[in-house]
Amino acid sequence: MGMHTVFVYGTLRKGQPNRAVMEPYLVADLGEGQIRGAMYDLGPFPAVSLEEDGVVTGEWVRVTDEGLARLDRLESYPRFYDRAIVSDTANGLRGWVYCMKKRRVDGYARVENGDWVAHQAQQAAVR
């Protein structure tokens, strides 16, 4: 059985609505981390463009082959999201991230702090 390291930054993070989808395939929580890129608010979920400068905060996880296939279905890869290999800016971890080309996120609001959980809390406080 293969294992895959994945950087999750939105609805797959701890306490977020899609975390339960990933849980049965989760082999290890590898901790928080950051990658280079820009985060955008697509409404109920974020997207990351790796073509821009910025920092995206998230968590590193390790999933099984079946888990990666399940995440591919959830993220509609390759029709909606792309998948790319990224490296953490601080801890050296390396793995997959679901991302979008810059042209696909044009017109959406950038999440300047790069942290979806903090962004969601901020949005809830404004409402």
C-alpha atoms as a PDB file:
ATOM      1  CA  MET A   1       0.000   0.000   0.000  1.00  0.00           C
ATOM      2  CA  GLY A   2       1.426   3.366  -1.033  1.00  0.00           C
ATOM      3  CA  MET A   3       1.453   6.480   1.095  1.00  0.00           C
ATOM      4  CA  HIS A   4       1.114  10.066  -0.090  1.00  0.00           C
ATOM      5  CA  THR A   5       1.996  13.278   1.696  1.00  0.00           C
ATOM      6  CA  VAL A   6      -0.566  16.028   1.043  1.00  0.00           C
ATOM      7  CA  PHE A   7      -0.739  19.674   2.088  1.00  0.00           C
ATOM      8  CA  VAL A   8      -4.331  20.631   2.995  1.00  0.00           C
ATOM      9  CA  TYR A   9      -5.234  24.284   3.457  1.00  0.00           C
ATOM     10  CA  GLY A  10      -9.027  24.624   3.412  1.00  0.00           C
ATOM     11  CA  THR A  11     -12.013  22.396   4.112  1.00  0.00           C
ATOM     12  CA  LEU A  12      -9.788  19.355   4.786  1.00  0.00           C
ATOM     13  CA  ARG A  13      -8.025  20.958   7.759  1.00  0.00           C
ATOM     14  CA  LYS A  14      -8.838  19.890  11.325  1.00  0.00           C
ATOM     15  CA  GLY A  15     -12.273  21.118  12.379  1.00  0.00           C
ATOM     16  CA  GLN A  16     -13.332  21.870   8.799  1.00  0.00           C
ATOM     17  CA  PRO A  17     -16.326  20.302   7.014  1.00  0.00           C
ATOM     18  CA  ASN A  18     -14.531  17.895   4.645  1.00  0.00           C
ATOM     19  CA  ARG A  19     -12.056  16.525   7.193  1.00  0.00           C
ATOM     20  CA  ALA A  20     -14.339  13.517   7.800  1.00  0.00           C
ATOM     21  CA  VAL A  21     -14.015  12.542   4.128  1.00  0.00           C
ATOM     22  CA  MET A  22     -10.276  12.107   4.601  1.00  0.00           C
ATOM     23  CA  GLU A  23     -10.250  10.550   8.100  1.00  0.00           C
ATOM     24  CA  PRO A  24     -10.708   6.862   7.068  1.00  0.00           C
ATOM     25  CA  TYR A  25      -7.601   7.113   4.845  1.00  0.00           C
ATOM     26  CA  LEU A  26      -5.450   9.210   7.174  1.00  0.00           C
ATOM     27  CA  VAL A  27      -2.219   7.480   8.176  1.00  0.00           C
ATOM     28  CA  ALA A  28      -0.551  10.415   9.941  1.00  0.00           C
ATOM     29  CA  ASP A  29      -1.012  14.059  10.855  1.00  0.00           C
ATOM     30  CA  LEU A  30       2.385  15.588  10.148  1.00  0.00           C
ATOM     31  CA  GLY A  31       1.629  19.004  11.622  1.00  0.00           C
ATOM     32  CA  GLU A  32       1.079  22.529  10.458  1.00  0.00           C
ATOM     33  CA  GLY A  33       3.079  24.130   7.719  1.00  0.00           C
ATOM     34  CA  GLN A  34       3.291  26.788   5.046  1.00  0.00           C
ATOM     35  CA  ILE A  35       3.857  26.787   1.313  1.00  0.00           C
ATOM     36  CA  ARG A  36       4.446  29.581  -1.180  1.00  0.00           C
ATOM     37  CA  GLY A  37       1.390  30.683  -3.133  1.00  0.00           C
ATOM     38  CA  ALA A  38      -1.724  32.837  -2.988  1.00  0.00           C
ATOM     39  CA  MET A  39      -5.082  31.806  -1.543  1.00  0.00           C
ATOM     40  CA  TYR A  40      -8.436  32.861  -2.978  1.00  0.00           C
ATOM     41  CA  ASP A  41     -11.935  32.739  -1.474  1.00  0.00           C
ATOM     42  CA  LEU A  42     -14.234  30.858  -3.856  1.00  0.00           C
ATOM     43  CA  GLY A  43     -17.153  31.088  -1.426  1.00  0.00           C
ATOM     44  CA  PRO A  44     -17.584  27.803   0.461  1.00  0.00           C
ATOM     45  CA  PHE A  45     -13.943  26.802  -0.102  1.00  0.00           C
ATOM     46  CA  PRO A  46     -10.563  28.264  -1.036  1.00  0.00           C
ATOM     47  CA  ALA A  47      -8.197  27.716  -3.936  1.00  0.00           C
ATOM     48  CA  VAL A  48      -4.464  28.261  -4.121  1.00  0.00           C
ATOM     49  CA  SER A  49      -2.482  29.580  -7.061  1.00  0.00           C
ATOM     50  CA  LEU A  50       1.183  28.608  -7.026  1.00  0.00           C
ATOM     51  CA  GLU A  51       1.972  31.210  -9.673  1.00  0.00           C
ATOM     52  CA  GLU A  52       1.958  34.089  -7.181  1.00  0.00           C
ATOM     53  CA  ASP A  53       3.966  35.211  -4.186  1.00  0.00           C
ATOM     54  CA  GLY A  54       2.511  34.792  -0.761  1.00  0.00           C
ATOM     55  CA  VAL A  55       2.302  32.284   2.057  1.00  0.00           C
ATOM     56  CA  VAL A  56      -0.437  29.694   2.499  1.00  0.00           C
ATOM     57  CA  THR A  57      -0.968  28.120   5.914  1.00  0.00           C
ATOM     58  CA  GLY A  58      -2.232  24.577   6.263  1.00  0.00           C
ATOM     59  CA  GLU A  59      -1.518  21.094   7.533  1.00  0.00           C
ATOM     60  CA  TRP A  60       0.508  18.182   6.230  1.00  0.00           C
ATOM     61  CA  VAL A  61      -1.104  14.752   6.245  1.00  0.00           C
ATOM     62  CA  ARG A  62      -0.189  11.310   4.981  1.00  0.00           C
ATOM     63  CA  VAL A  63      -2.900   9.268   3.273  1.00  0.00           C
ATOM     64  CA  THR A  64      -3.135   5.863   1.608  1.00  0.00           C
ATOM     65  CA  ASP A  65      -3.424   5.285  -2.159  1.00  0.00           C
ATOM     66  CA  GLU A  66      -7.177   4.967  -1.669  1.00  0.00           C
ATOM     67  CA  GLY A  67      -7.142   8.204   0.312  1.00  0.00           C
ATOM     68  CA  LEU A  68      -5.425  10.101  -2.500  1.00  0.00           C
ATOM     69  CA  ALA A  69      -7.966   8.682  -4.972  1.00  0.00           C
ATOM     70  CA  ARG A  70     -10.785   9.809  -2.653  1.00  0.00           C
ATOM     71  CA  LEU A  71      -9.280  13.292  -2.388  1.00  0.00           C
ATOM     72  CA  ASP A  72      -8.948  13.410  -6.190  1.00  0.00           C
ATOM     73  CA  ARG A  73     -12.696  12.744  -6.448  1.00  0.00           C
ATOM     74  CA  LEU A  74     -13.558  15.301  -3.764  1.00  0.00           C
ATOM     75  CA  GLU A  75     -11.407  17.961  -5.427  1.00  0.00           C
ATOM     76  CA  SER A  76     -12.603  17.022  -8.939  1.00  0.00           C
ATOM     77  CA  TYR A  77      -9.013  16.489 -10.049  1.00  0.00           C
ATOM     78  CA  PRO A  78      -8.090  17.072 -12.856  1.00  0.00           C
ATOM     79  CA  ARG A  79     -11.270  18.792 -14.100  1.00  0.00           C
ATOM     80  CA  PHE A  80     -11.473  21.470 -11.392  1.00  0.00           C
ATOM     81  CA  TYR A  81      -8.268  21.466  -9.356  1.00  0.00           C
ATOM     82  CA  ASP A  82      -4.773  20.653 -10.576  1.00  0.00           C
ATOM     83  CA  ARG A  83      -2.368  18.757  -8.351  1.00  0.00           C
ATOM     84  CA  ALA A  84       1.290  19.754  -7.889  1.00  0.00           C
ATOM     85  CA  ILE A  85       4.260  18.844  -5.701  1.00  0.00           C
ATOM     86  CA  VAL A  86       5.210  21.579  -3.221  1.00  0.00           C
ATOM     87  CA  SER A  87       7.729  21.975  -0.415  1.00  0.00           C
ATOM     88  CA  ASP A  88       7.125  23.503   2.977  1.00  0.00           C
ATOM     89  CA  THR A  89       8.907  26.806   3.522  1.00  0.00           C
ATOM     90  CA  ALA A  90       9.947  25.925   7.091  1.00  0.00           C
ATOM     91  CA  ASN A  91      10.005  22.206   7.859  1.00  0.00           C
ATOM     92  CA  GLY A  92      11.134  20.734   4.544  1.00  0.00           C
ATOM     93  CA  LEU A  93       8.133  18.452   4.031  1.00  0.00           C
ATOM     94  CA  ARG A  94       7.248  17.825   0.423  1.00  0.00           C
ATOM     95  CA  GLY A  95       4.041  16.509  -1.118  1.00  0.00           C
ATOM     96  CA  TRP A  96       0.905  17.081  -3.152  1.00  0.00           C
ATOM     97  CA  VAL A  97      -1.310  20.152  -3.032  1.00  0.00           C
ATOM     98  CA  TYR A  98      -4.539  20.846  -4.922  1.00  0.00           C
ATOM     99  CA  CYS A  99      -4.180  24.145  -6.748  1.00  0.00           C
ATOM    100  CA  MET A 100      -5.472  26.238  -9.652  1.00  0.00           C
ATOM    101  CA  LYS A 101      -3.919  28.241 -12.441  1.00  0.00           C
ATOM    102  CA  LYS A 102      -3.978  31.997 -11.801  1.00  0.00           C
ATOM    103  CA  ARG A 103      -6.465  32.597 -14.622  1.00  0.00           C
ATOM    104  CA  ARG A 104      -9.002  30.315 -12.867  1.00  0.00           C
ATOM    105  CA  VAL A 105      -8.991  32.416  -9.680  1.00  0.00           C
ATOM    106  CA  ASP A 106      -9.082  35.823 -11.367  1.00  0.00           C
ATOM    107  CA  GLY A 107     -12.062  37.787 -10.088  1.00  0.00           C
ATOM    108  CA  TYR A 108     -12.137  36.098  -6.677  1.00  0.00           C
ATOM    109  CA  ALA A 109     -11.037  37.847  -3.476  1.00  0.00           C
ATOM    110  CA  ARG A 110      -7.528  37.040  -2.332  1.00  0.00           C
ATOM    111  CA  VAL A 111      -7.188  35.787   1.254  1.00  0.00           C
ATOM    112  CA  GLU A 112      -4.323  38.056   2.195  1.00  0.00           C
ATOM    113  CA  ASN A 113      -3.305  36.206   5.367  1.00  0.00           C
ATOM    114  CA  GLY A 114      -3.238  32.874   3.491  1.00  0.00           C
ATOM    115  CA  ASP A 115      -5.026  31.066   6.337  1.00  0.00           C
ATOM    116  CA  TRP A 116      -8.502  29.714   5.507  1.00  0.00           C
ATOM    117  CA  VAL A 117      -9.435  28.891   9.109  1.00  0.00           C
ATOM    118  CA  ALA A 118      -8.524  32.391  10.322  1.00  0.00           C
ATOM    119  CA  HIS A 119     -10.254  33.909   7.270  1.00  0.00           C
ATOM    120  CA  GLN A 120     -13.468  31.966   8.007  1.00  0.00           C
ATOM    121  CA  ALA A 121     -13.416  33.083  11.657  1.00  0.00           C
ATOM    122  CA  GLN A 122     -12.917  36.683  10.530  1.00  0.00           C
ATOM    123  CA  GLN A 123     -15.819  36.416   8.067  1.00  0.00           C
ATOM    124  CA  ALA A 124     -18.089  34.931  10.769  1.00  0.00           C
ATOM    125  CA  ALA A 125     -17.232  37.777  13.145  1.00  0.00           C
ATOM    126  CA  VAL A 126     -18.235  40.337  10.499  1.00  0.00           C
ATOM    127  CA  ARG A 127     -21.621  38.694   9.855  1.00  0.00           C
END
